[in-house]
Amino acid sequence: MIATTNLPATRSVMAHQRQLEVHSDFDTFVRTTYPGLVGVATALTGGVADAEDMVQDTMMKAFVRWDRVRDYEHPQGWAHRVLVNRCVGWWRRQRTEARYLARLRREEAVTAGPSPDALVFWEAVRRLPVRHQQVVALYYAADLTVDEVAGVLTVPSGTVRSDLTRARAALTTLLGD
């Protein structure tokens, strides 16, 4: 009697062995190519974090196409080409972003910073007790009403009025006006 082999099981084992070979080949490729790719990307971008992201993208592309890439004469060369192209795209985005931000800065109205008197005033406010600081900031900087300040701080309106009066008196003393 002739022994019959279980063909589907044999094909499954062979396919599994083929997958292991493919993964082993790719693992070797990554181990040998990754450090050089990171070095190139770091040199081109100036930052390790951006470089590692680009190398990860490159390795993902290699993995997805590994059946073809591994048969190339120089798969490392292919990976370097993909990486360099990725870096070129990164530089283009950086330049576009820089031009956009420069244009945005030109178009926005430039306002003067706070006056020296305002800086002195707010420095004095920061020396007040905390709740007085909060009341003054909400009332003057946020332009809230007494009732709105009371709602924000969850205190009665009378307390806000009292705190404002005390804060003004303390600021008069601090500022010498």
C-alpha atoms as a PDB file:
ATOM      1  CA  MET A   1       0.000   0.000   0.000  1.00  0.00           C
ATOM      2  CA  ILE A   2       1.278   3.461  -0.915  1.00  0.00           C
ATOM      3  CA  ALA A   3       1.351   5.986   1.898  1.00  0.00           C
ATOM      4  CA  THR A   4      -0.668   9.049   1.254  1.00  0.00           C
ATOM      5  CA  THR A   5       0.609  12.344   2.458  1.00  0.00           C
ATOM      6  CA  ASN A   6      -1.548  15.045   3.839  1.00  0.00           C
ATOM      7  CA  LEU A   7      -0.926  17.679   1.147  1.00  0.00           C
ATOM      8  CA  PRO A   8      -2.711  20.621   2.809  1.00  0.00           C
ATOM      9  CA  ALA A   9      -0.760  20.061   6.031  1.00  0.00           C
ATOM     10  CA  THR A  10       2.530  19.838   4.108  1.00  0.00           C
ATOM     11  CA  ARG A  11       1.759  23.053   2.238  1.00  0.00           C
ATOM     12  CA  SER A  12       0.923  24.753   5.511  1.00  0.00           C
ATOM     13  CA  VAL A  13       4.259  23.717   7.055  1.00  0.00           C
ATOM     14  CA  MET A  14       6.124  24.853   3.957  1.00  0.00           C
ATOM     15  CA  ALA A  15       4.304  28.190   3.953  1.00  0.00           C
ATOM     16  CA  HIS A  16       5.123  28.661   7.633  1.00  0.00           C
ATOM     17  CA  GLN A  17       8.788  27.887   6.981  1.00  0.00           C
ATOM     18  CA  ARG A  18       8.774  30.372   4.084  1.00  0.00           C
ATOM     19  CA  GLN A  19       7.291  33.055   6.403  1.00  0.00           C
ATOM     20  CA  LEU A  20      10.004  32.381   8.963  1.00  0.00           C
ATOM     21  CA  GLU A  21      12.654  32.781   6.271  1.00  0.00           C
ATOM     22  CA  VAL A  22      11.077  36.043   5.084  1.00  0.00           C
ATOM     23  CA  HIS A  23      10.906  37.408   8.644  1.00  0.00           C
ATOM     24  CA  SER A  24      14.457  36.275   9.338  1.00  0.00           C
ATOM     25  CA  ASP A  25      15.666  37.984   6.140  1.00  0.00           C
ATOM     26  CA  PHE A  26      13.820  41.172   7.032  1.00  0.00           C
ATOM     27  CA  ASP A  27      15.106  41.088  10.620  1.00  0.00           C
ATOM     28  CA  THR A  28      18.668  40.828   9.329  1.00  0.00           C
ATOM     29  CA  PHE A  29      17.992  43.651   6.876  1.00  0.00           C
ATOM     30  CA  VAL A  30      16.701  45.899   9.670  1.00  0.00           C
ATOM     31  CA  ARG A  31      19.590  45.106  12.019  1.00  0.00           C
ATOM     32  CA  THR A  32      22.193  45.906   9.385  1.00  0.00           C
ATOM     33  CA  THR A  33      20.511  48.865   7.701  1.00  0.00           C
ATOM     34  CA  TYR A  34      18.740  50.739  10.518  1.00  0.00           C
ATOM     35  CA  PRO A  35      21.771  52.424  12.164  1.00  0.00           C
ATOM     36  CA  GLY A  36      23.036  53.813   8.871  1.00  0.00           C
ATOM     37  CA  LEU A  37      19.601  55.071   7.916  1.00  0.00           C
ATOM     38  CA  VAL A  38      19.234  56.876  11.251  1.00  0.00           C
ATOM     39  CA  GLY A  39      22.643  58.472  10.728  1.00  0.00           C
ATOM     40  CA  VAL A  40      21.735  59.694   7.247  1.00  0.00           C
ATOM     41  CA  ALA A  41      18.327  60.997   8.325  1.00  0.00           C
ATOM     42  CA  THR A  42      19.811  62.741  11.357  1.00  0.00           C
ATOM     43  CA  ALA A  43      22.403  64.421   9.153  1.00  0.00           C
ATOM     44  CA  LEU A  44      19.710  65.560   6.717  1.00  0.00           C
ATOM     45  CA  THR A  45      17.102  66.735   9.233  1.00  0.00           C
ATOM     46  CA  GLY A  46      19.214  67.814  12.164  1.00  0.00           C
ATOM     47  CA  GLY A  47      17.050  66.012  14.691  1.00  0.00           C
ATOM     48  CA  VAL A  48      17.151  62.458  15.982  1.00  0.00           C
ATOM     49  CA  ALA A  49      13.405  62.250  16.682  1.00  0.00           C
ATOM     50  CA  ASP A  50      12.454  63.301  13.136  1.00  0.00           C
ATOM     51  CA  ALA A  51      15.154  61.018  11.744  1.00  0.00           C
ATOM     52  CA  GLU A  52      13.885  57.979  13.636  1.00  0.00           C
ATOM     53  CA  ASP A  53      10.320  58.677  12.475  1.00  0.00           C
ATOM     54  CA  MET A  54      11.452  58.789   8.859  1.00  0.00           C
ATOM     55  CA  VAL A  55      13.487  55.603   9.227  1.00  0.00           C
ATOM     56  CA  GLN A  56      10.452  53.868  10.736  1.00  0.00           C
ATOM     57  CA  ASP A  57       8.405  54.961   7.711  1.00  0.00           C
ATOM     58  CA  THR A  58      11.133  53.644   5.422  1.00  0.00           C
ATOM     59  CA  MET A  59      11.257  50.309   7.230  1.00  0.00           C
ATOM     60  CA  MET A  60       7.479  50.010   7.055  1.00  0.00           C
ATOM     61  CA  LYS A  61       7.622  50.533   3.289  1.00  0.00           C
ATOM     62  CA  ALA A  62      10.363  47.925   3.045  1.00  0.00           C
ATOM     63  CA  PHE A  63       8.368  45.441   5.097  1.00  0.00           C
ATOM     64  CA  VAL A  64       5.216  45.892   3.012  1.00  0.00           C
ATOM     65  CA  ARG A  65       7.237  45.385  -0.202  1.00  0.00           C
ATOM     66  CA  TRP A  66       9.723  42.896   1.218  1.00  0.00           C
ATOM     67  CA  ASP A  67       8.896  40.181  -1.323  1.00  0.00           C
ATOM     68  CA  ARG A  68      10.248  42.490  -4.058  1.00  0.00           C
ATOM     69  CA  VAL A  69      12.812  44.497  -2.069  1.00  0.00           C
ATOM     70  CA  ARG A  70      14.725  41.482  -0.798  1.00  0.00           C
ATOM     71  CA  ASP A  71      15.368  40.373  -4.372  1.00  0.00           C
ATOM     72  CA  TYR A  72      16.976  43.693  -5.325  1.00  0.00           C
ATOM     73  CA  GLU A  73      20.710  43.651  -5.848  1.00  0.00           C
ATOM     74  CA  HIS A  74      21.115  46.294  -3.099  1.00  0.00           C
ATOM     75  CA  PRO A  75      18.071  46.445  -0.798  1.00  0.00           C
ATOM     76  CA  GLN A  76      19.992  48.828   1.479  1.00  0.00           C
ATOM     77  CA  GLY A  77      20.413  51.201  -1.462  1.00  0.00           C
ATOM     78  CA  TRP A  78      16.675  51.058  -2.082  1.00  0.00           C
ATOM     79  CA  ALA A  79      16.046  51.900   1.598  1.00  0.00           C
ATOM     80  CA  HIS A  80      18.466  54.822   1.448  1.00  0.00           C
ATOM     81  CA  ARG A  81      16.764  56.148  -1.700  1.00  0.00           C
ATOM     82  CA  VAL A  82      13.333  55.921  -0.042  1.00  0.00           C
ATOM     83  CA  LEU A  83      14.706  57.657   3.054  1.00  0.00           C
ATOM     84  CA  VAL A  84      16.360  60.459   1.091  1.00  0.00           C
ATOM     85  CA  ASN A  85      13.099  61.047  -0.777  1.00  0.00           C
ATOM     86  CA  ARG A  86      11.267  61.147   2.555  1.00  0.00           C
ATOM     87  CA  CYS A  87      13.775  63.714   3.851  1.00  0.00           C
ATOM     88  CA  VAL A  88      13.308  65.848   0.728  1.00  0.00           C
ATOM     89  CA  GLY A  89       9.558  65.846   1.369  1.00  0.00           C
ATOM     90  CA  TRP A  90      10.188  66.751   4.998  1.00  0.00           C
ATOM     91  CA  TRP A  91      12.359  69.715   3.968  1.00  0.00           C
ATOM     92  CA  ARG A  92       9.705  70.909   1.520  1.00  0.00           C
ATOM     93  CA  ARG A  93       7.086  70.837   4.281  1.00  0.00           C
ATOM     94  CA  GLN A  94       9.458  72.713   6.603  1.00  0.00           C
ATOM     95  CA  ARG A  95      10.047  75.435   3.996  1.00  0.00           C
ATOM     96  CA  THR A  96       6.343  75.723   3.222  1.00  0.00           C
ATOM     97  CA  GLU A  97       5.524  76.003   6.908  1.00  0.00           C
ATOM     98  CA  ALA A  98       8.239  78.642   7.433  1.00  0.00           C
ATOM     99  CA  ARG A  99       6.963  80.715   4.474  1.00  0.00           C
ATOM    100  CA  TYR A 100       3.406  80.460   5.755  1.00  0.00           C
ATOM    101  CA  LEU A 101       4.402  81.555   9.264  1.00  0.00           C
ATOM    102  CA  ALA A 102       6.499  84.428   7.883  1.00  0.00           C
ATOM    103  CA  ARG A 103       3.573  85.605   5.744  1.00  0.00           C
ATOM    104  CA  LEU A 104       1.227  85.274   8.703  1.00  0.00           C
ATOM    105  CA  ARG A 105       3.561  87.403  10.840  1.00  0.00           C
ATOM    106  CA  ARG A 106       3.701  90.070   8.120  1.00  0.00           C
ATOM    107  CA  GLU A 107      -0.079  90.160   7.798  1.00  0.00           C
ATOM    108  CA  GLU A 108      -0.861  90.336  11.498  1.00  0.00           C
ATOM    109  CA  ALA A 109      -0.953  93.783  12.997  1.00  0.00           C
ATOM    110  CA  VAL A 110       1.935  94.230  15.349  1.00  0.00           C
ATOM    111  CA  THR A 111       0.917  95.624  18.677  1.00  0.00           C
ATOM    112  CA  ALA A 112       3.196  97.226  21.149  1.00  0.00           C
ATOM    113  CA  GLY A 113       3.902  95.290  24.298  1.00  0.00           C
ATOM    114  CA  PRO A 114       2.615  96.468  27.647  1.00  0.00           C
ATOM    115  CA  SER A 115       3.749  99.893  28.770  1.00  0.00           C
ATOM    116  CA  PRO A 116       6.290 100.223  31.564  1.00  0.00           C
ATOM    117  CA  ASP A 117       3.486 101.532  33.807  1.00  0.00           C
ATOM    118  CA  ALA A 118       1.376  98.457  33.105  1.00  0.00           C
ATOM    119  CA  LEU A 119       4.302  96.182  33.934  1.00  0.00           C
ATOM    120  CA  VAL A 120       4.830  97.994  37.247  1.00  0.00           C
ATOM    121  CA  PHE A 121       1.097  97.822  38.007  1.00  0.00           C
ATOM    122  CA  TRP A 122       0.823  94.068  37.369  1.00  0.00           C
ATOM    123  CA  GLU A 123       4.002  93.428  39.342  1.00  0.00           C
ATOM    124  CA  ALA A 124       2.362  95.219  42.270  1.00  0.00           C
ATOM    125  CA  VAL A 125      -0.834  93.192  41.785  1.00  0.00           C
ATOM    126  CA  ARG A 126       1.205  89.987  42.087  1.00  0.00           C
ATOM    127  CA  ARG A 127       2.293  91.126  45.574  1.00  0.00           C
ATOM    128  CA  LEU A 128      -1.326  91.260  46.811  1.00  0.00           C
ATOM    129  CA  PRO A 129      -3.070  88.355  48.581  1.00  0.00           C
ATOM    130  CA  VAL A 130      -4.168  85.663  46.120  1.00  0.00           C
ATOM    131  CA  ARG A 131      -7.901  86.452  46.095  1.00  0.00           C
ATOM    132  CA  HIS A 132      -7.185  90.152  45.621  1.00  0.00           C
ATOM    133  CA  GLN A 133      -4.937  89.253  42.685  1.00  0.00           C
ATOM    134  CA  GLN A 134      -7.713  87.144  41.188  1.00  0.00           C
ATOM    135  CA  VAL A 135     -10.359  89.836  41.646  1.00  0.00           C
ATOM    136  CA  VAL A 136      -8.164  92.567  40.135  1.00  0.00           C
ATOM    137  CA  ALA A 137      -7.122  90.369  37.192  1.00  0.00           C
ATOM    138  CA  LEU A 138     -10.681  89.264  36.418  1.00  0.00           C
ATOM    139  CA  TYR A 139     -12.116  92.756  36.829  1.00  0.00           C
ATOM    140  CA  TYR A 140      -9.464  94.741  34.939  1.00  0.00           C
ATOM    141  CA  ALA A 141      -7.674  92.291  32.615  1.00  0.00           C
ATOM    142  CA  ALA A 142     -10.660  90.098  31.697  1.00  0.00           C
ATOM    143  CA  ASP A 143     -13.044  93.092  31.846  1.00  0.00           C
ATOM    144  CA  LEU A 144     -15.669  91.167  33.816  1.00  0.00           C
ATOM    145  CA  THR A 145     -18.370  92.829  35.878  1.00  0.00           C
ATOM    146  CA  VAL A 146     -18.481  92.494  39.670  1.00  0.00           C
ATOM    147  CA  ASP A 147     -21.277  89.919  39.345  1.00  0.00           C
ATOM    148  CA  GLU A 148     -19.322  87.933  36.725  1.00  0.00           C
ATOM    149  CA  VAL A 149     -16.199  87.939  38.910  1.00  0.00           C
ATOM    150  CA  ALA A 150     -18.348  86.739  41.820  1.00  0.00           C
ATOM    151  CA  GLY A 151     -19.655  83.902  39.633  1.00  0.00           C
ATOM    152  CA  VAL A 152     -16.158  82.851  38.564  1.00  0.00           C
ATOM    153  CA  LEU A 153     -14.813  82.880  42.125  1.00  0.00           C
ATOM    154  CA  THR A 154     -18.075  81.561  43.631  1.00  0.00           C
ATOM    155  CA  VAL A 155     -18.250  84.313  46.233  1.00  0.00           C
ATOM    156  CA  PRO A 156     -20.953  86.945  46.879  1.00  0.00           C
ATOM    157  CA  SER A 157     -20.831  90.180  44.844  1.00  0.00           C
ATOM    158  CA  GLY A 158     -20.346  92.147  48.065  1.00  0.00           C
ATOM    159  CA  THR A 159     -17.159  90.187  48.736  1.00  0.00           C
ATOM    160  CA  VAL A 160     -15.845  91.074  45.267  1.00  0.00           C
ATOM    161  CA  ARG A 161     -16.612  94.770  45.839  1.00  0.00           C
ATOM    162  CA  SER A 162     -14.878  94.612  49.228  1.00  0.00           C
ATOM    163  CA  ASP A 163     -11.857  92.817  47.774  1.00  0.00           C
ATOM    164  CA  LEU A 164     -11.605  95.376  44.964  1.00  0.00           C
ATOM    165  CA  THR A 165     -11.705  98.255  47.471  1.00  0.00           C
ATOM    166  CA  ARG A 166      -9.000  96.660  49.627  1.00  0.00           C
ATOM    167  CA  ALA A 167      -6.885  95.777  46.569  1.00  0.00           C
ATOM    168  CA  ARG A 168      -7.099  99.361  45.258  1.00  0.00           C
ATOM    169  CA  ALA A 169      -6.030 100.712  48.657  1.00  0.00           C
ATOM    170  CA  ALA A 170      -3.094  98.288  48.810  1.00  0.00           C
ATOM    171  CA  LEU A 171      -2.074  99.143  45.239  1.00  0.00           C
ATOM    172  CA  THR A 172      -2.174 102.849  46.050  1.00  0.00           C
ATOM    173  CA  THR A 173       0.210 102.206  48.926  1.00  0.00           C
ATOM    174  CA  LEU A 174       2.472  99.917  46.853  1.00  0.00           C
ATOM    175  CA  LEU A 175       2.595 102.248  43.856  1.00  0.00           C
ATOM    176  CA  GLY A 176       2.852 105.455  45.904  1.00  0.00           C
ATOM    177  CA  ASP A 177       0.155 107.272  43.921  1.00  0.00           C
END
